[in-house]
Every structure is written in C-alpha cells, then in structure tokens.
Amino acid sequence: MSTSCGKVHKLEDFKDEADGENGAKNDEVRANRMGNTQKDMSKVALIVSLLSVLLLVIFFFGMNQNIAGLTDEVQSLGVLRDDVNSLDQQVVQMQSDIPHEMQRMLAHDIVNEMTMKAFYLTDTLQDESLRVKMQEVLQGLKEIRTGLEQ
C-alpha cells in the first residue's frame, strides 16, 4: 500500500525490517525460554516420579503389614480348630461314660416330653381318625414310660 509519494508504508515492510534486525535476538530469547521451560519440566517430572516411588513404598509396607496380620489370624484359627477337636473328643468320652441309671433318667425325660407334645397334637387335630391314631401313640408312650420306671 504505498503511494507514489511514499508517505504510506506497508506494515509488513516495518515488520520485515524489525525481524531482520531483531531476528537473531528473538531466536536467542526463544531458545533461552525453551531451555528454561525444559529444565523446569524436567524438575517437575523428577518430583512426580519421586512422589510416585514414595507412594509405592508406602503401599507396599501397608500391604505387607496386612498380610502379616492375616497370617497370624490363620495360624490362630489352626490352634482354635485343635481346641474344638479336643473338646469334641471330651464330649464323646463323657457321653460314653454316662452311667446306666443316668441314661434311663434321660430317656424317661425325653419320653415325658414326647407325651406332652403328643397330647397337644391330639387336642389340635380335627380329623377323628387321626385323633384315634394319636391316642394309640400316647398309649405306646405310656407303656414305654412305665417300662423305664421299673
């Protein structure tokens, strides 16, 4: 956009002249800025990597303690299983050592309990044929009870 008088100049002309004079300086400034930015980014990357390693170590030791705790619990369960087995053997031995008189008393109590439940069932039944059968069951339980009392 220049006129014949030369008073109007293109902006591009000034820009080209400024680039010609300051071009080398601008390139140098840009290179310095890029170098500083790269150095700053490398520091950030180094810090982030160190923090991630620190977190990894913390998680490792946390999990290691959890696993050690679980191992202790599993070992205590083994001991508990042995205790339960020994108690079970003691109960079996006690049941086998019950005197004959005690066994008769237990059987008598069980028959009495069955008789009470049979009486209740007889009262709740609606069907007459079922009531008659329950009366027969009651009679059988009565005979067993008298046999145990002798």
C-alpha atoms as a PDB file:
ATOM      1  CA  MET A   1       0.000   0.000   0.000  1.00  0.00           C
ATOM      2  CA  SER A   2       2.433   2.542  -0.906  1.00  0.00           C
ATOM      3  CA  THR A   3       1.549   5.590  -2.888  1.00  0.00           C
ATOM      4  CA  SER A   4       3.622   7.417  -5.342  1.00  0.00           C
ATOM      5  CA  CYS A   5       4.503   9.990  -2.704  1.00  0.00           C
ATOM      6  CA  GLY A   6       5.876   7.307  -0.426  1.00  0.00           C
ATOM      7  CA  LYS A   7       4.087   8.547   2.657  1.00  0.00           C
ATOM      8  CA  VAL A   8       2.012   5.429   3.168  1.00  0.00           C
ATOM      9  CA  HIS A   9       4.009   2.375   4.083  1.00  0.00           C
ATOM     10  CA  LYS A  10       3.068  -1.186   4.478  1.00  0.00           C
ATOM     11  CA  LEU A  11       3.063  -2.638   7.934  1.00  0.00           C
ATOM     12  CA  GLU A  12       4.722  -5.699   6.544  1.00  0.00           C
ATOM     13  CA  ASP A  13       7.732  -3.624   5.493  1.00  0.00           C
ATOM     14  CA  PHE A  14       8.325  -2.489   9.069  1.00  0.00           C
ATOM     15  CA  LYS A  15       7.791  -5.948  10.372  1.00  0.00           C
ATOM     16  CA  ASP A  16      10.309  -7.385   7.946  1.00  0.00           C
ATOM     17  CA  GLU A  17      12.855  -4.728   8.901  1.00  0.00           C
ATOM     18  CA  ALA A  18      12.311  -5.362  12.631  1.00  0.00           C
ATOM     19  CA  ASP A  19      12.637  -9.083  12.083  1.00  0.00           C
ATOM     20  CA  GLY A  20      15.825  -8.559  10.153  1.00  0.00           C
ATOM     21  CA  GLU A  21      17.405  -6.527  12.946  1.00  0.00           C
ATOM     22  CA  ASN A  22      15.968  -8.309  15.958  1.00  0.00           C
ATOM     23  CA  GLY A  23      15.521 -11.746  14.409  1.00  0.00           C
ATOM     24  CA  ALA A  24      18.700 -13.134  15.835  1.00  0.00           C
ATOM     25  CA  LYS A  25      17.935 -11.674  19.249  1.00  0.00           C
ATOM     26  CA  ASN A  26      14.389 -13.113  19.210  1.00  0.00           C
ATOM     27  CA  ASP A  27      15.682 -16.529  18.269  1.00  0.00           C
ATOM     28  CA  GLU A  28      18.163 -16.366  21.100  1.00  0.00           C
ATOM     29  CA  VAL A  29      15.460 -15.310  23.599  1.00  0.00           C
ATOM     30  CA  ARG A  30      13.169 -18.067  22.366  1.00  0.00           C
ATOM     31  CA  ALA A  31      15.936 -20.642  22.740  1.00  0.00           C
ATOM     32  CA  ASN A  32      16.634 -19.449  26.291  1.00  0.00           C
ATOM     33  CA  ARG A  33      12.944 -19.624  27.180  1.00  0.00           C
ATOM     34  CA  MET A  34      12.610 -23.107  25.699  1.00  0.00           C
ATOM     35  CA  GLY A  35      15.694 -24.265  27.586  1.00  0.00           C
ATOM     36  CA  ASN A  36      14.383 -22.865  30.871  1.00  0.00           C
ATOM     37  CA  THR A  37      10.970 -24.406  30.266  1.00  0.00           C
ATOM     38  CA  GLN A  38      12.506 -27.788  29.518  1.00  0.00           C
ATOM     39  CA  LYS A  39      14.610 -27.572  32.671  1.00  0.00           C
ATOM     40  CA  ASP A  40      11.525 -26.650  34.708  1.00  0.00           C
ATOM     41  CA  MET A  41       9.509 -29.508  33.211  1.00  0.00           C
ATOM     42  CA  SER A  42      12.306 -31.984  33.921  1.00  0.00           C
ATOM     43  CA  LYS A  43      12.307 -30.882  37.563  1.00  0.00           C
ATOM     44  CA  VAL A  44       8.549 -31.386  37.743  1.00  0.00           C
ATOM     45  CA  ALA A  45       8.843 -34.826  36.160  1.00  0.00           C
ATOM     46  CA  LEU A  46      11.584 -35.766  38.627  1.00  0.00           C
ATOM     47  CA  ILE A  47       9.467 -34.651  41.600  1.00  0.00           C
ATOM     48  CA  VAL A  48       6.399 -36.525  40.331  1.00  0.00           C
ATOM     49  CA  SER A  49       8.435 -39.706  39.815  1.00  0.00           C
ATOM     50  CA  LEU A  50       9.949 -39.449  43.319  1.00  0.00           C
ATOM     51  CA  LEU A  51       6.493 -38.973  44.831  1.00  0.00           C
ATOM     52  CA  SER A  52       5.146 -41.976  42.937  1.00  0.00           C
ATOM     53  CA  VAL A  53       8.042 -44.117  44.219  1.00  0.00           C
ATOM     54  CA  LEU A  54       7.332 -42.883  47.756  1.00  0.00           C
ATOM     55  CA  LEU A  55       3.650 -43.815  47.430  1.00  0.00           C
ATOM     56  CA  LEU A  56       4.621 -47.214  46.059  1.00  0.00           C
ATOM     57  CA  VAL A  57       6.836 -47.851  49.095  1.00  0.00           C
ATOM     58  CA  ILE A  58       4.077 -46.759  51.489  1.00  0.00           C
ATOM     59  CA  PHE A  59       1.517 -49.047  49.816  1.00  0.00           C
ATOM     60  CA  PHE A  60       3.983 -51.933  49.819  1.00  0.00           C
ATOM     61  CA  PHE A  61       4.643 -51.713  53.552  1.00  0.00           C
ATOM     62  CA  GLY A  62       0.933 -51.263  54.286  1.00  0.00           C
ATOM     63  CA  MET A  63       0.041 -54.375  52.338  1.00  0.00           C
ATOM     64  CA  ASN A  64       2.934 -56.258  53.921  1.00  0.00           C
ATOM     65  CA  GLN A  65       1.560 -55.484  57.406  1.00  0.00           C
ATOM     66  CA  ASN A  66      -1.948 -56.549  56.352  1.00  0.00           C
ATOM     67  CA  ILE A  67      -0.664 -59.842  55.009  1.00  0.00           C
ATOM     68  CA  ALA A  68       1.351 -60.431  58.189  1.00  0.00           C
ATOM     69  CA  GLY A  69      -1.802 -59.813  60.246  1.00  0.00           C
ATOM     70  CA  LEU A  70      -3.790 -62.247  58.113  1.00  0.00           C
ATOM     71  CA  THR A  71      -1.083 -64.873  58.521  1.00  0.00           C
ATOM     72  CA  ASP A  72      -1.312 -64.539  62.308  1.00  0.00           C
ATOM     73  CA  GLU A  73      -5.099 -64.888  62.151  1.00  0.00           C
ATOM     74  CA  VAL A  74      -4.869 -68.036  60.029  1.00  0.00           C
ATOM     75  CA  GLN A  75      -2.387 -69.571  62.465  1.00  0.00           C
ATOM     76  CA  SER A  76      -4.665 -68.773  65.403  1.00  0.00           C
ATOM     77  CA  LEU A  77      -7.545 -70.455  63.543  1.00  0.00           C
ATOM     78  CA  GLY A  78      -5.472 -73.638  63.327  1.00  0.00           C
ATOM     79  CA  VAL A  79      -4.960 -73.587  67.087  1.00  0.00           C
ATOM     80  CA  LEU A  80      -8.670 -72.947  67.601  1.00  0.00           C
ATOM     81  CA  ARG A  81      -9.545 -75.922  65.375  1.00  0.00           C
ATOM     82  CA  ASP A  82      -7.326 -78.153  67.526  1.00  0.00           C
ATOM     83  CA  ASP A  83      -9.069 -76.882  70.676  1.00  0.00           C
ATOM     84  CA  VAL A  84     -12.514 -77.622  69.209  1.00  0.00           C
ATOM     85  CA  ASN A  85     -11.419 -81.143  68.233  1.00  0.00           C
ATOM     86  CA  SER A  86     -10.144 -81.846  71.748  1.00  0.00           C
ATOM     87  CA  LEU A  87     -13.400 -80.551  73.282  1.00  0.00           C
ATOM     88  CA  ASP A  88     -15.415 -82.701  70.894  1.00  0.00           C
ATOM     89  CA  GLN A  89     -13.446 -85.768  71.957  1.00  0.00           C
ATOM     90  CA  GLN A  90     -14.094 -84.926  75.617  1.00  0.00           C
ATOM     91  CA  VAL A  91     -17.855 -84.660  74.989  1.00  0.00           C
ATOM     92  CA  VAL A  92     -17.890 -88.026  73.202  1.00  0.00           C
ATOM     93  CA  GLN A  93     -15.990 -89.574  76.103  1.00  0.00           C
ATOM     94  CA  MET A  94     -18.396 -88.050  78.653  1.00  0.00           C
ATOM     95  CA  GLN A  95     -21.384 -89.386  76.733  1.00  0.00           C
ATOM     96  CA  SER A  96     -19.912 -92.860  76.653  1.00  0.00           C
ATOM     97  CA  ASP A  97     -19.143 -92.727  80.391  1.00  0.00           C
ATOM     98  CA  ILE A  98     -22.710 -91.849  81.472  1.00  0.00           C
ATOM     99  CA  PRO A  99     -23.929 -94.411  83.982  1.00  0.00           C
ATOM    100  CA  HIS A 100     -26.798 -96.691  83.085  1.00  0.00           C
ATOM    101  CA  GLU A 101     -29.101 -95.078  85.648  1.00  0.00           C
ATOM    102  CA  MET A 102     -28.437 -91.634  84.183  1.00  0.00           C
ATOM    103  CA  GLN A 103     -29.266 -92.903  80.680  1.00  0.00           C
ATOM    104  CA  ARG A 104     -32.583 -94.274  81.957  1.00  0.00           C
ATOM    105  CA  MET A 105     -33.398 -90.913  83.568  1.00  0.00           C
ATOM    106  CA  LEU A 106     -32.613 -89.068  80.322  1.00  0.00           C
ATOM    107  CA  ALA A 107     -34.756 -91.468  78.289  1.00  0.00           C
ATOM    108  CA  HIS A 108     -37.603 -91.053  80.811  1.00  0.00           C
ATOM    109  CA  ASP A 109     -37.462 -87.260  80.462  1.00  0.00           C
ATOM    110  CA  ILE A 110     -37.444 -87.490  76.659  1.00  0.00           C
ATOM    111  CA  VAL A 111     -40.467 -89.819  76.704  1.00  0.00           C
ATOM    112  CA  ASN A 112     -42.307 -87.386  79.026  1.00  0.00           C
ATOM    113  CA  GLU A 113     -41.562 -84.536  76.647  1.00  0.00           C
ATOM    114  CA  MET A 114     -42.827 -86.564  73.688  1.00  0.00           C
ATOM    115  CA  THR A 115     -46.001 -87.401  75.638  1.00  0.00           C
ATOM    116  CA  MET A 116     -46.721 -83.721  76.315  1.00  0.00           C
ATOM    117  CA  LYS A 117     -46.254 -82.857  72.648  1.00  0.00           C
ATOM    118  CA  ALA A 118     -48.489 -85.766  71.613  1.00  0.00           C
ATOM    119  CA  PHE A 119     -51.250 -84.548  73.990  1.00  0.00           C
ATOM    120  CA  TYR A 120     -51.050 -81.087  72.452  1.00  0.00           C
ATOM    121  CA  LEU A 121     -51.157 -82.528  68.928  1.00  0.00           C
ATOM    122  CA  THR A 122     -54.173 -84.687  69.841  1.00  0.00           C
ATOM    123  CA  ASP A 123     -56.066 -81.585  71.023  1.00  0.00           C
ATOM    124  CA  THR A 124     -55.297 -79.619  67.839  1.00  0.00           C
ATOM    125  CA  LEU A 125     -56.239 -82.335  65.297  1.00  0.00           C
ATOM    126  CA  GLN A 126     -59.672 -82.002  63.654  1.00  0.00           C
ATOM    127  CA  ASP A 127     -59.873 -85.398  61.956  1.00  0.00           C
ATOM    128  CA  GLU A 128     -61.257 -88.140  64.242  1.00  0.00           C
ATOM    129  CA  SER A 129     -59.230 -90.943  62.629  1.00  0.00           C
ATOM    130  CA  LEU A 130     -56.013 -89.016  63.271  1.00  0.00           C
ATOM    131  CA  ARG A 131     -57.071 -88.490  66.909  1.00  0.00           C
ATOM    132  CA  VAL A 132     -57.546 -92.219  67.329  1.00  0.00           C
ATOM    133  CA  LYS A 133     -54.062 -92.879  65.920  1.00  0.00           C
ATOM    134  CA  MET A 134     -52.575 -90.278  68.281  1.00  0.00           C
ATOM    135  CA  GLN A 135     -54.329 -91.983  71.214  1.00  0.00           C
ATOM    136  CA  GLU A 136     -52.574 -95.206  70.179  1.00  0.00           C
ATOM    137  CA  VAL A 137     -49.244 -93.326  70.115  1.00  0.00           C
ATOM    138  CA  LEU A 138     -49.994 -91.946  73.592  1.00  0.00           C
ATOM    139  CA  GLN A 139     -50.741 -95.463  74.821  1.00  0.00           C
ATOM    140  CA  GLY A 140     -47.410 -96.690  73.413  1.00  0.00           C
ATOM    141  CA  LEU A 141     -45.542 -93.828  75.098  1.00  0.00           C
ATOM    142  CA  LYS A 142     -47.282 -94.610  78.397  1.00  0.00           C
ATOM    143  CA  GLU A 143     -46.096 -98.232  78.166  1.00  0.00           C
ATOM    144  CA  ILE A 144     -42.526 -97.104  77.451  1.00  0.00           C
ATOM    145  CA  ARG A 145     -42.616 -94.758  80.457  1.00  0.00           C
ATOM    146  CA  THR A 146     -43.782 -97.490  82.806  1.00  0.00           C
ATOM    147  CA  GLY A 147     -41.055 -99.763  81.430  1.00  0.00           C
ATOM    148  CA  LEU A 148     -38.413 -97.123  82.162  1.00  0.00           C
ATOM    149  CA  GLU A 149     -39.717 -96.546  85.696  1.00  0.00           C
ATOM    150  CA  GLN A 150     -39.234-100.187  86.674  1.00  0.00           C
END
